[in-house]
């Protein structure tokens, strides 16, 4: 083998090594970018959770939000009188608490689904969380589905599609008409709250 052939082989090996290095660097950059996006998404969830947690910890804020929820219920002509009667006999803080709980639940699972899509969550873990989300959406005792449907457009398209898929898979639940309260509305009458003797007087 002459020197020219040896030199040619070295050049080929060198080119392959450079290409391989570029591929590795590209993959590392892509992964770093995905991690950064996932971290940013988590940070947005943390910020939203802190906001709603602050409301939950403030009796005044909870009361203000609850009064807004109740006012929208009473002004909605599409809601049945039975629902309005139930709502008017609940502490306004409880109405706000139910709405906030549904919002945080939905936002948390949106973040989890995003992490799963990005490859940062195992299939086993996602399957368990997916089942939890499905059960909550199809449980008429929760407000999760109604809060979601009250303002569908605020959620990511892939997350909207997932939730619709889970609703279609699950048993039909008898829900009250949705409320037009933006991202803080849509409710179901919890059966236990309509049982005689369990109603609470609304606080002001």
N, C-alpha and C. Protein backbone atom coordinates (compact mmCIF):
# COMPACT_ATOMS: atom_id res chain seq x y z
N UNK A 1 0.87 -1.19 0.00
CA UNK A 1 0.00 0.00 0.00
C UNK A 1 0.90 1.24 0.00
N UNK A 2 0.70 2.12 -1.00
CA UNK A 2 1.56 3.29 -1.07
C UNK A 2 1.07 4.39 -0.15
N UNK A 3 1.89 5.43 -0.06
CA UNK A 3 1.60 6.54 0.85
C UNK A 3 0.31 7.25 0.47
N UNK A 4 0.02 7.40 -0.84
CA UNK A 4 -1.18 8.11 -1.28
C UNK A 4 -2.45 7.40 -0.81
N UNK A 5 -2.44 6.07 -0.90
CA UNK A 5 -3.61 5.31 -0.45
C UNK A 5 -3.81 5.44 1.06
N UNK A 6 -2.69 5.34 1.80
CA UNK A 6 -2.78 5.48 3.25
C UNK A 6 -3.32 6.86 3.62
N UNK A 7 -2.82 7.86 2.93
CA UNK A 7 -3.28 9.23 3.18
C UNK A 7 -4.76 9.37 2.88
N UNK A 8 -5.19 8.71 1.78
CA UNK A 8 -6.61 8.77 1.41
C UNK A 8 -7.49 8.14 2.49
N UNK A 9 -7.02 7.00 3.01
CA UNK A 9 -7.80 6.33 4.06
C UNK A 9 -7.88 7.19 5.32
N UNK A 10 -6.78 7.83 5.65
CA UNK A 10 -6.79 8.72 6.82
C UNK A 10 -7.78 9.86 6.64
N UNK A 11 -7.86 10.37 5.43
CA UNK A 11 -8.79 11.46 5.15
C UNK A 11 -10.24 11.00 5.31
N UNK A 12 -10.52 9.79 4.81
CA UNK A 12 -11.88 9.24 4.93
C UNK A 12 -12.24 9.05 6.40
N UNK A 13 -11.31 8.46 7.15
CA UNK A 13 -11.55 8.24 8.58
C UNK A 13 -11.75 9.57 9.28
N UNK A 14 -10.96 10.57 8.90
CA UNK A 14 -11.08 11.89 9.51
C UNK A 14 -12.43 12.52 9.24
N UNK A 15 -12.92 12.37 8.00
CA UNK A 15 -14.22 12.93 7.64
C UNK A 15 -15.33 12.25 8.43
N UNK A 16 -15.24 10.91 8.53
CA UNK A 16 -16.24 10.16 9.29
C UNK A 16 -16.25 10.61 10.75
N UNK A 17 -15.06 10.81 11.32
CA UNK A 17 -14.95 11.23 12.71
C UNK A 17 -15.58 12.61 12.91
N UNK A 18 -15.34 13.52 11.95
CA UNK A 18 -15.92 14.87 12.04
C UNK A 18 -17.44 14.81 11.97
N UNK A 19 -17.94 14.02 11.02
CA UNK A 19 -19.39 13.88 10.87
C UNK A 19 -20.01 13.31 12.14
N UNK A 20 -19.36 12.27 12.67
CA UNK A 20 -19.87 11.65 13.90
C UNK A 20 -19.88 12.65 15.04
N UNK A 21 -18.83 13.46 15.14
CA UNK A 21 -18.76 14.47 16.19
C UNK A 21 -19.88 15.50 16.04
N UNK A 22 -20.14 15.89 14.80
CA UNK A 22 -21.21 16.86 14.55
C UNK A 22 -22.57 16.29 14.92
N UNK A 23 -22.76 15.01 14.62
CA UNK A 23 -24.03 14.36 14.98
C UNK A 23 -24.22 14.35 16.49
N UNK A 24 -23.15 13.99 17.20
CA UNK A 24 -23.21 13.94 18.67
C UNK A 24 -23.50 15.33 19.23
N UNK A 25 -22.81 16.33 18.72
CA UNK A 25 -23.03 17.71 19.18
C UNK A 25 -24.47 18.14 18.89
N UNK A 26 -24.96 17.78 17.70
CA UNK A 26 -26.34 18.13 17.34
C UNK A 26 -27.35 17.49 18.28
N UNK A 27 -27.11 16.23 18.60
CA UNK A 27 -28.01 15.53 19.52
C UNK A 27 -27.98 16.16 20.91
N UNK A 28 -26.77 16.54 21.33
CA UNK A 28 -26.64 17.18 22.66
C UNK A 28 -27.34 18.52 22.70
N UNK A 29 -27.22 19.28 21.62
CA UNK A 29 -27.89 20.58 21.55
C UNK A 29 -29.40 20.40 21.54
N UNK A 30 -29.87 19.40 20.80
CA UNK A 30 -31.31 19.14 20.73
C UNK A 30 -31.84 18.74 22.11
N UNK A 31 -31.09 17.88 22.79
CA UNK A 31 -31.52 17.45 24.12
C UNK A 31 -31.51 18.61 25.10
N UNK A 32 -30.47 19.45 25.00
CA UNK A 32 -30.39 20.61 25.88
C UNK A 32 -31.55 21.55 25.63
N UNK A 33 -31.91 21.71 24.37
CA UNK A 33 -33.05 22.57 24.01
C UNK A 33 -34.35 22.00 24.57
N UNK A 34 -34.53 20.70 24.44
CA UNK A 34 -35.74 20.05 24.95
C UNK A 34 -35.82 20.15 26.47
N UNK A 35 -34.68 19.99 27.13
CA UNK A 35 -34.64 20.11 28.59
C UNK A 35 -35.00 21.53 29.00
N UNK A 36 -34.49 22.51 28.26
CA UNK A 36 -34.77 23.91 28.58
C UNK A 36 -36.26 24.21 28.43
N UNK A 37 -36.87 23.69 27.37
CA UNK A 37 -38.30 23.91 27.14
C UNK A 37 -39.12 23.24 28.24
N UNK A 38 -38.73 22.01 28.58
CA UNK A 38 -39.46 21.28 29.63
C UNK A 38 -39.33 22.01 30.97
N UNK A 39 -38.15 22.55 31.24
CA UNK A 39 -37.94 23.28 32.48
C UNK A 39 -38.77 24.56 32.51
N UNK A 40 -38.85 25.22 31.36
CA UNK A 40 -39.65 26.44 31.26
C UNK A 40 -41.13 26.13 31.48
N UNK A 41 -41.58 25.02 30.93
CA UNK A 41 -42.97 24.61 31.09
C UNK A 41 -43.27 24.31 32.56
N UNK A 42 -42.32 23.64 33.22
CA UNK A 42 -42.47 23.34 34.64
C UNK A 42 -42.51 24.64 35.45
N UNK A 43 -41.69 25.60 35.05
CA UNK A 43 -41.65 26.88 35.77
C UNK A 43 -42.98 27.62 35.64
N UNK A 44 -43.60 27.53 34.47
CA UNK A 44 -44.91 28.18 34.30
C UNK A 44 -45.96 27.53 35.19
N UNK A 45 -45.90 26.20 35.30
CA UNK A 45 -46.83 25.51 36.19
C UNK A 45 -46.60 25.92 37.64
N UNK A 46 -45.33 26.00 38.04
CA UNK A 46 -45.01 26.40 39.41
C UNK A 46 -45.54 27.81 39.70
N UNK A 47 -45.41 28.69 38.72
CA UNK A 47 -45.89 30.06 38.89
C UNK A 47 -47.41 30.09 39.06
N UNK A 48 -48.11 29.33 38.20
CA UNK A 48 -49.58 29.27 38.29
C UNK A 48 -50.02 28.65 39.60
N UNK A 49 -49.33 27.60 40.01
CA UNK A 49 -49.68 26.93 41.27
C UNK A 49 -49.48 27.87 42.45
N UNK A 50 -48.41 28.66 42.41
CA UNK A 50 -48.15 29.62 43.49
C UNK A 50 -49.25 30.67 43.54
N UNK A 51 -49.70 31.09 42.37
CA UNK A 51 -50.77 32.09 42.29
C UNK A 51 -52.05 31.58 42.95
N UNK A 52 -52.45 30.36 42.57
CA UNK A 52 -53.69 29.81 43.11
C UNK A 52 -53.53 29.39 44.58
N UNK A 53 -52.34 28.98 44.94
CA UNK A 53 -52.09 28.64 46.34
C UNK A 53 -52.23 29.89 47.22
N UNK A 54 -51.75 31.01 46.70
CA UNK A 54 -51.88 32.27 47.44
C UNK A 54 -53.35 32.63 47.65
N UNK A 55 -54.17 32.37 46.64
CA UNK A 55 -55.60 32.64 46.77
C UNK A 55 -56.21 31.72 47.83
N UNK A 56 -55.83 30.45 47.78
CA UNK A 56 -56.36 29.48 48.74
C UNK A 56 -55.97 29.83 50.18
N UNK A 57 -54.83 30.46 50.33
CA UNK A 57 -54.35 30.79 51.67
C UNK A 57 -54.89 32.13 52.18
N UNK A 58 -55.59 32.83 51.31
CA UNK A 58 -56.15 34.12 51.69
C UNK A 58 -57.67 34.02 51.73
N UNK A 59 -58.23 34.14 52.91
CA UNK A 59 -59.69 34.05 53.05
C UNK A 59 -60.39 35.14 52.24
N UNK A 60 -59.80 36.32 52.24
CA UNK A 60 -60.39 37.43 51.49
C UNK A 60 -60.39 37.14 49.99
N UNK A 61 -59.24 36.71 49.46
CA UNK A 61 -59.14 36.43 48.02
C UNK A 61 -60.08 35.30 47.62
N UNK A 62 -60.15 34.28 48.48
CA UNK A 62 -61.02 33.14 48.20
C UNK A 62 -62.48 33.59 48.17
N UNK A 63 -62.83 34.47 49.08
CA UNK A 63 -64.21 34.97 49.14
C UNK A 63 -64.53 35.81 47.90
N UNK A 64 -63.58 36.66 47.50
CA UNK A 64 -63.79 37.51 46.32
C UNK A 64 -63.99 36.65 45.07
N UNK A 65 -63.14 35.65 44.91
CA UNK A 65 -63.27 34.77 43.74
C UNK A 65 -64.57 33.99 43.81
N UNK A 66 -64.92 33.50 45.00
CA UNK A 66 -66.15 32.73 45.15
C UNK A 66 -67.38 33.56 44.83
N UNK A 67 -67.37 34.82 45.21
CA UNK A 67 -68.51 35.70 44.91
C UNK A 67 -68.64 35.91 43.41
N UNK A 68 -67.50 36.00 42.73
CA UNK A 68 -67.53 36.14 41.27
C UNK A 68 -68.11 34.90 40.62
N UNK A 69 -67.69 33.74 41.11
CA UNK A 69 -68.21 32.48 40.59
C UNK A 69 -69.72 32.40 40.82
N UNK A 70 -70.15 32.72 42.02
CA UNK A 70 -71.57 32.66 42.35
C UNK A 70 -72.39 33.64 41.51
N UNK A 71 -71.86 34.85 41.32
CA UNK A 71 -72.57 35.85 40.52
C UNK A 71 -72.76 35.36 39.09
N UNK A 72 -71.73 34.74 38.54
CA UNK A 72 -71.84 34.22 37.17
C UNK A 72 -72.85 33.07 37.10
N UNK A 73 -72.90 32.28 38.15
CA UNK A 73 -73.88 31.18 38.19
C UNK A 73 -75.29 31.75 38.17
N UNK A 74 -75.54 32.74 39.01
CA UNK A 74 -76.88 33.28 39.13
C UNK A 74 -77.32 34.04 37.87
N UNK A 75 -76.35 34.59 37.13
CA UNK A 75 -76.67 35.36 35.93
C UNK A 75 -76.80 34.49 34.68
N UNK A 76 -76.42 33.24 34.79
CA UNK A 76 -76.46 32.34 33.63
C UNK A 76 -77.86 31.74 33.51
N UNK A 77 -78.60 32.17 32.50
CA UNK A 77 -79.98 31.72 32.32
C UNK A 77 -80.08 30.28 31.85
N UNK A 78 -78.96 29.69 31.42
CA UNK A 78 -79.00 28.32 30.94
C UNK A 78 -78.92 27.30 32.09
N UNK A 79 -78.55 27.75 33.26
CA UNK A 79 -78.43 26.84 34.39
C UNK A 79 -79.78 26.60 35.06
N UNK A 80 -80.03 25.38 35.49
CA UNK A 80 -81.31 25.06 36.14
C UNK A 80 -81.43 25.69 37.51
N UNK A 81 -82.65 25.91 37.93
CA UNK A 81 -82.90 26.53 39.24
C UNK A 81 -82.32 25.69 40.37
N UNK A 82 -82.33 24.36 40.21
CA UNK A 82 -81.82 23.47 41.25
C UNK A 82 -80.34 23.74 41.51
N UNK A 83 -79.60 23.93 40.43
CA UNK A 83 -78.17 24.19 40.57
C UNK A 83 -77.93 25.54 41.25
N UNK A 84 -78.71 26.54 40.84
CA UNK A 84 -78.55 27.87 41.43
C UNK A 84 -78.89 27.85 42.92
N UNK A 85 -79.91 27.09 43.26
CA UNK A 85 -80.29 26.98 44.67
C UNK A 85 -79.17 26.32 45.47
N UNK A 86 -78.61 25.26 44.89
CA UNK A 86 -77.50 24.58 45.57
C UNK A 86 -76.32 25.53 45.75
N UNK A 87 -75.95 26.23 44.68
CA UNK A 87 -74.79 27.12 44.74
C UNK A 87 -75.00 28.26 45.74
N UNK A 88 -76.20 28.79 45.77
CA UNK A 88 -76.47 29.92 46.66
C UNK A 88 -76.42 29.53 48.13
N UNK A 89 -76.51 28.24 48.42
CA UNK A 89 -76.46 27.76 49.80
C UNK A 89 -75.09 27.21 50.19
N UNK A 90 -74.12 27.37 49.29
CA UNK A 90 -72.75 26.95 49.61
C UNK A 90 -71.92 28.16 50.03
N UNK A 91 -70.98 27.97 50.92
CA UNK A 91 -70.04 29.06 51.21
C UNK A 91 -69.32 29.45 49.92
N UNK A 92 -69.22 30.73 49.66
CA UNK A 92 -68.58 31.16 48.41
C UNK A 92 -67.13 30.68 48.35
N UNK A 93 -66.51 30.54 49.52
CA UNK A 93 -65.13 30.04 49.54
C UNK A 93 -65.06 28.62 48.98
N UNK A 94 -66.10 27.83 49.23
CA UNK A 94 -66.10 26.46 48.72
C UNK A 94 -66.23 26.43 47.20
N UNK A 95 -67.02 27.33 46.66
CA UNK A 95 -67.16 27.41 45.20
C UNK A 95 -65.80 27.72 44.57
N UNK A 96 -65.10 28.69 45.15
CA UNK A 96 -63.78 29.05 44.64
C UNK A 96 -62.81 27.89 44.79
N UNK A 97 -62.87 27.22 45.93
CA UNK A 97 -61.98 26.09 46.20
C UNK A 97 -62.16 24.99 45.14
N UNK A 98 -63.41 24.69 44.79
CA UNK A 98 -63.67 23.65 43.80
C UNK A 98 -63.11 24.03 42.42
N UNK A 99 -63.30 25.28 42.04
CA UNK A 99 -62.80 25.74 40.75
C UNK A 99 -61.27 25.70 40.70
N UNK A 100 -60.64 26.22 41.74
CA UNK A 100 -59.17 26.24 41.78
C UNK A 100 -58.61 24.82 41.76
N UNK A 101 -59.25 23.92 42.49
CA UNK A 101 -58.79 22.53 42.51
C UNK A 101 -58.80 21.91 41.12
N UNK A 102 -59.85 22.19 40.36
CA UNK A 102 -59.95 21.65 39.00
C UNK A 102 -58.90 22.27 38.08
N UNK A 103 -58.66 23.58 38.24
CA UNK A 103 -57.67 24.25 37.40
C UNK A 103 -56.27 23.69 37.66
N UNK A 104 -55.90 23.58 38.93
CA UNK A 104 -54.57 23.06 39.26
C UNK A 104 -54.40 21.62 38.78
N UNK A 105 -55.45 20.82 38.93
CA UNK A 105 -55.40 19.43 38.47
C UNK A 105 -55.15 19.37 36.97
N UNK A 106 -55.88 20.17 36.21
CA UNK A 106 -55.73 20.18 34.75
C UNK A 106 -54.35 20.69 34.33
N UNK A 107 -53.88 21.76 34.96
CA UNK A 107 -52.58 22.31 34.62
C UNK A 107 -51.46 21.32 34.97
N UNK A 108 -51.59 20.64 36.08
CA UNK A 108 -50.57 19.66 36.48
C UNK A 108 -50.47 18.53 35.48
N UNK A 109 -51.60 18.04 35.02
CA UNK A 109 -51.58 16.95 34.05
C UNK A 109 -51.17 17.41 32.66
N UNK A 110 -51.41 18.67 32.35
CA UNK A 110 -50.90 19.23 31.10
C UNK A 110 -49.37 19.20 31.13
N UNK A 111 -48.79 19.61 32.26
CA UNK A 111 -47.34 19.59 32.40
C UNK A 111 -46.79 18.17 32.33
N UNK A 112 -47.46 17.24 32.99
CA UNK A 112 -47.02 15.84 32.98
C UNK A 112 -47.06 15.30 31.55
N UNK A 113 -48.12 15.62 30.82
CA UNK A 113 -48.24 15.13 29.44
C UNK A 113 -47.15 15.74 28.56
N UNK A 114 -46.83 17.01 28.79
CA UNK A 114 -45.76 17.66 28.05
C UNK A 114 -44.43 16.97 28.32
N UNK A 115 -44.16 16.65 29.59
CA UNK A 115 -42.91 15.97 29.95
C UNK A 115 -42.85 14.58 29.29
N UNK A 116 -43.99 13.91 29.22
CA UNK A 116 -44.05 12.60 28.59
C UNK A 116 -43.77 12.72 27.08
N UNK A 117 -44.38 13.72 26.44
CA UNK A 117 -44.15 13.93 25.02
C UNK A 117 -42.68 14.24 24.71
N UNK A 118 -42.03 14.92 25.65
CA UNK A 118 -40.62 15.28 25.46
C UNK A 118 -39.67 14.13 25.79
N UNK A 119 -40.22 13.02 26.30
CA UNK A 119 -39.40 11.86 26.59
C UNK A 119 -38.80 11.83 27.98
N UNK A 120 -39.31 12.68 28.87
CA UNK A 120 -38.76 12.74 30.22
C UNK A 120 -39.60 11.97 31.24
N UNK A 121 -40.59 11.24 30.78
CA UNK A 121 -41.44 10.46 31.67
C UNK A 121 -41.64 9.07 31.07
N UNK A 122 -41.49 8.05 31.90
CA UNK A 122 -41.59 6.68 31.40
C UNK A 122 -43.03 6.35 31.01
N UNK A 123 -43.16 5.33 30.18
CA UNK A 123 -44.48 4.90 29.74
C UNK A 123 -45.32 4.42 30.91
N UNK A 124 -44.67 3.71 31.83
CA UNK A 124 -45.38 3.18 32.99
C UNK A 124 -45.95 4.31 33.85
N UNK A 125 -45.13 5.32 34.08
CA UNK A 125 -45.58 6.45 34.89
C UNK A 125 -46.71 7.20 34.18
N UNK A 126 -46.56 7.39 32.88
CA UNK A 126 -47.59 8.11 32.14
C UNK A 126 -48.90 7.33 32.12
N UNK A 127 -48.85 6.02 31.96
CA UNK A 127 -50.07 5.22 31.93
C UNK A 127 -50.87 5.40 33.22
N UNK A 128 -50.17 5.44 34.35
CA UNK A 128 -50.85 5.61 35.64
C UNK A 128 -51.48 7.00 35.74
N UNK A 129 -50.76 8.03 35.30
CA UNK A 129 -51.28 9.39 35.37
C UNK A 129 -52.40 9.62 34.37
N UNK A 130 -52.31 8.95 33.24
CA UNK A 130 -53.37 9.05 32.23
C UNK A 130 -54.66 8.46 32.78
N UNK A 131 -54.55 7.33 33.47
CA UNK A 131 -55.72 6.70 34.06
C UNK A 131 -56.34 7.60 35.13
N UNK A 132 -55.49 8.29 35.88
CA UNK A 132 -55.99 9.22 36.90
C UNK A 132 -56.76 10.37 36.27
N UNK A 133 -56.21 10.93 35.20
CA UNK A 133 -56.87 12.03 34.51
C UNK A 133 -58.19 11.59 33.91
N UNK A 134 -58.20 10.40 33.31
CA UNK A 134 -59.43 9.87 32.72
C UNK A 134 -60.51 9.68 33.77
N UNK A 135 -60.14 9.13 34.92
CA UNK A 135 -61.12 8.89 35.99
C UNK A 135 -61.71 10.20 36.48
N UNK A 136 -60.88 11.22 36.62
CA UNK A 136 -61.36 12.51 37.13
C UNK A 136 -62.27 13.20 36.12
N UNK A 137 -61.92 13.11 34.85
CA UNK A 137 -62.74 13.74 33.81
C UNK A 137 -64.12 13.12 33.71
N UNK A 138 -64.22 11.84 34.01
CA UNK A 138 -65.48 11.12 33.86
C UNK A 138 -66.19 10.89 35.20
N UNK A 139 -65.74 11.60 36.22
CA UNK A 139 -66.38 11.52 37.53
C UNK A 139 -67.26 12.75 37.71
N UNK A 140 -68.57 12.55 37.76
CA UNK A 140 -69.50 13.67 37.84
C UNK A 140 -69.41 14.43 39.16
N UNK A 141 -68.69 13.89 40.13
CA UNK A 141 -68.53 14.59 41.40
C UNK A 141 -67.46 15.68 41.35
N UNK A 142 -66.66 15.66 40.29
CA UNK A 142 -65.61 16.67 40.15
C UNK A 142 -66.04 17.75 39.17
N UNK A 143 -65.31 18.84 39.15
CA UNK A 143 -65.59 19.93 38.22
C UNK A 143 -64.54 19.99 37.11
N UNK A 144 -63.70 18.98 37.03
CA UNK A 144 -62.57 18.99 36.10
C UNK A 144 -63.03 19.13 34.65
N UNK A 145 -63.95 18.29 34.24
CA UNK A 145 -64.38 18.32 32.84
C UNK A 145 -65.05 19.63 32.49
N UNK A 146 -65.90 20.12 33.37
CA UNK A 146 -66.61 21.36 33.09
C UNK A 146 -65.68 22.56 33.04
N UNK A 147 -64.70 22.59 33.93
CA UNK A 147 -63.73 23.69 33.90
C UNK A 147 -62.94 23.64 32.60
N UNK A 148 -62.57 22.46 32.17
CA UNK A 148 -61.85 22.32 30.90
C UNK A 148 -62.72 22.81 29.74
N UNK A 149 -63.95 22.36 29.68
CA UNK A 149 -64.82 22.67 28.55
C UNK A 149 -65.31 24.11 28.55
N UNK A 150 -65.18 24.80 29.68
CA UNK A 150 -65.64 26.18 29.75
C UNK A 150 -64.77 27.11 28.90
N UNK A 151 -63.51 26.73 28.67
CA UNK A 151 -62.62 27.54 27.83
C UNK A 151 -61.55 26.64 27.23
N UNK A 152 -61.96 25.86 26.26
CA UNK A 152 -61.09 24.84 25.68
C UNK A 152 -59.85 25.43 25.01
N UNK A 153 -60.00 26.60 24.43
CA UNK A 153 -58.92 27.17 23.62
C UNK A 153 -57.68 27.58 24.40
N UNK A 154 -57.76 27.64 25.72
CA UNK A 154 -56.58 28.05 26.50
C UNK A 154 -55.59 26.89 26.66
N UNK A 155 -55.99 25.69 26.27
CA UNK A 155 -55.12 24.52 26.43
C UNK A 155 -54.43 24.17 25.12
N UNK A 156 -53.27 23.52 25.23
CA UNK A 156 -52.53 23.08 24.05
C UNK A 156 -53.38 22.13 23.21
N UNK A 157 -53.18 22.19 21.89
CA UNK A 157 -53.99 21.36 21.00
C UNK A 157 -53.83 19.87 21.31
N UNK A 158 -52.61 19.41 21.52
CA UNK A 158 -52.40 17.98 21.78
C UNK A 158 -53.04 17.58 23.11
N UNK A 159 -53.02 18.48 24.09
CA UNK A 159 -53.65 18.20 25.38
C UNK A 159 -55.17 18.19 25.24
N UNK A 160 -55.70 19.10 24.45
CA UNK A 160 -57.15 19.11 24.18
C UNK A 160 -57.57 17.80 23.53
N UNK A 161 -56.77 17.36 22.57
CA UNK A 161 -57.10 16.10 21.89
C UNK A 161 -57.05 14.92 22.84
N UNK A 162 -56.06 14.93 23.74
CA UNK A 162 -55.95 13.86 24.72
C UNK A 162 -57.18 13.82 25.62
N UNK A 163 -57.58 14.98 26.14
CA UNK A 163 -58.72 15.03 27.05
C UNK A 163 -60.00 14.59 26.34
N UNK A 164 -60.17 15.03 25.11
CA UNK A 164 -61.36 14.60 24.37
C UNK A 164 -61.36 13.09 24.17
N UNK A 165 -60.19 12.54 23.93
CA UNK A 165 -60.05 11.08 23.78
C UNK A 165 -60.43 10.37 25.07
N UNK A 166 -59.98 10.90 26.19
CA UNK A 166 -60.28 10.29 27.49
C UNK A 166 -61.77 10.39 27.82
N UNK A 167 -62.37 11.50 27.47
CA UNK A 167 -63.81 11.67 27.70
C UNK A 167 -64.60 10.67 26.87
N UNK A 168 -64.17 10.50 25.62
CA UNK A 168 -64.86 9.56 24.73
C UNK A 168 -64.69 8.12 25.20
N UNK A 169 -63.55 7.81 25.80
CA UNK A 169 -63.30 6.46 26.29
C UNK A 169 -64.12 6.14 27.54
N UNK A 170 -64.30 7.14 28.37
CA UNK A 170 -64.91 6.92 29.67
C UNK A 170 -66.42 6.89 29.62
N UNK A 171 -67.04 6.54 30.75
CA UNK A 171 -68.50 6.50 30.84
C UNK A 171 -69.07 7.91 30.79
N UNK A 172 -70.23 8.02 30.19
CA UNK A 172 -70.88 9.33 30.12
C UNK A 172 -71.30 9.75 31.51
N UNK A 173 -71.01 10.99 31.85
CA UNK A 173 -71.40 11.51 33.16
C UNK A 173 -72.45 12.60 32.99
N UNK A 174 -73.41 12.63 33.89
CA UNK A 174 -74.47 13.62 33.81
C UNK A 174 -73.96 14.91 34.43
N UNK A 175 -73.72 15.89 33.57
CA UNK A 175 -73.19 17.15 34.03
C UNK A 175 -74.16 18.28 33.77
N UNK A 176 -74.05 19.33 34.56
CA UNK A 176 -74.86 20.51 34.36
C UNK A 176 -74.30 21.29 33.18
N UNK A 177 -75.11 22.14 32.57
CA UNK A 177 -74.60 23.00 31.49
C UNK A 177 -73.39 23.79 31.97
N UNK A 178 -72.50 24.08 31.05
CA UNK A 178 -71.27 24.76 31.41
C UNK A 178 -71.52 26.22 31.70
N UNK A 179 -70.67 26.77 32.56
CA UNK A 179 -70.75 28.18 32.89
C UNK A 179 -69.74 28.95 32.07
N UNK A 180 -70.08 30.17 31.74
CA UNK A 180 -69.19 30.99 30.94
C UNK A 180 -68.36 31.87 31.86
N UNK A 181 -67.35 31.27 32.48
CA UNK A 181 -66.50 32.00 33.43
C UNK A 181 -65.05 31.99 32.98
N UNK A 182 -64.80 31.91 31.69
CA UNK A 182 -63.43 31.86 31.21
C UNK A 182 -62.75 30.60 31.68
N UNK A 183 -61.53 30.72 32.22
CA UNK A 183 -60.77 29.55 32.64
C UNK A 183 -61.04 29.19 34.09
N UNK A 184 -62.06 29.78 34.70
CA UNK A 184 -62.33 29.47 36.10
C UNK A 184 -63.78 29.07 36.29
N UNK A 185 -64.29 28.22 35.41
CA UNK A 185 -65.70 27.91 35.55
C UNK A 185 -66.07 26.54 35.08
N UNK A 186 -67.39 26.35 34.91
CA UNK A 186 -67.92 25.09 34.47
C UNK A 186 -68.04 24.17 35.66
N UNK A 187 -69.25 23.76 36.01
CA UNK A 187 -69.40 23.01 37.24
C UNK A 187 -70.40 21.88 37.13
N UNK A 188 -70.31 21.00 38.09
CA UNK A 188 -71.23 19.89 38.20
C UNK A 188 -71.85 19.95 39.58
N UNK A 189 -73.07 19.51 39.71
CA UNK A 189 -73.66 19.46 41.03
C UNK A 189 -73.20 18.18 41.71
N UNK A 190 -72.40 18.26 42.75
CA UNK A 190 -72.01 17.06 43.48
C UNK A 190 -73.23 16.48 44.17
N UNK A 191 -73.61 15.23 43.90
CA UNK A 191 -74.81 14.64 44.48
C UNK A 191 -74.87 14.76 45.99
N UNK A 192 -73.77 14.55 46.69
CA UNK A 192 -73.78 14.60 48.15
C UNK A 192 -74.16 15.97 48.68
N UNK A 193 -73.84 17.01 47.92
CA UNK A 193 -74.13 18.36 48.39
C UNK A 193 -75.62 18.68 48.26
N UNK A 194 -76.38 17.86 47.54
CA UNK A 194 -77.80 18.11 47.37
C UNK A 194 -78.64 17.24 48.29
N UNK A 195 -77.97 16.44 49.11
CA UNK A 195 -78.67 15.60 50.05
C UNK A 195 -79.28 16.43 51.16
N UNK A 196 -80.56 16.25 51.45
CA UNK A 196 -81.22 17.06 52.52
C UNK A 196 -80.43 16.99 53.81
N UNK A 197 -80.31 18.15 54.45
CA UNK A 197 -79.61 18.20 55.73
C UNK A 197 -78.12 18.44 55.63
N UNK A 198 -77.60 18.52 54.38
CA UNK A 198 -76.15 18.71 54.24
C UNK A 198 -75.81 20.08 53.71
N UNK A 199 -76.80 20.88 53.41
CA UNK A 199 -76.52 22.18 52.85
C UNK A 199 -75.94 23.12 53.89
N UNK A 200 -75.08 24.01 53.41
CA UNK A 200 -74.46 24.98 54.29
C UNK A 200 -74.97 26.36 53.93
N UNK A 201 -75.05 27.23 54.90
CA UNK A 201 -75.44 28.60 54.63
C UNK A 201 -74.27 29.35 54.01
N UNK A 202 -74.57 30.16 53.01
CA UNK A 202 -73.52 30.92 52.33
C UNK A 202 -73.03 32.04 53.20
N UNK A 203 -71.72 32.19 53.27
CA UNK A 203 -71.15 33.30 54.04
C UNK A 203 -70.98 34.50 53.14
N UNK A 204 -70.88 35.66 53.73
CA UNK A 204 -70.70 36.89 52.95
C UNK A 204 -69.42 37.58 53.38
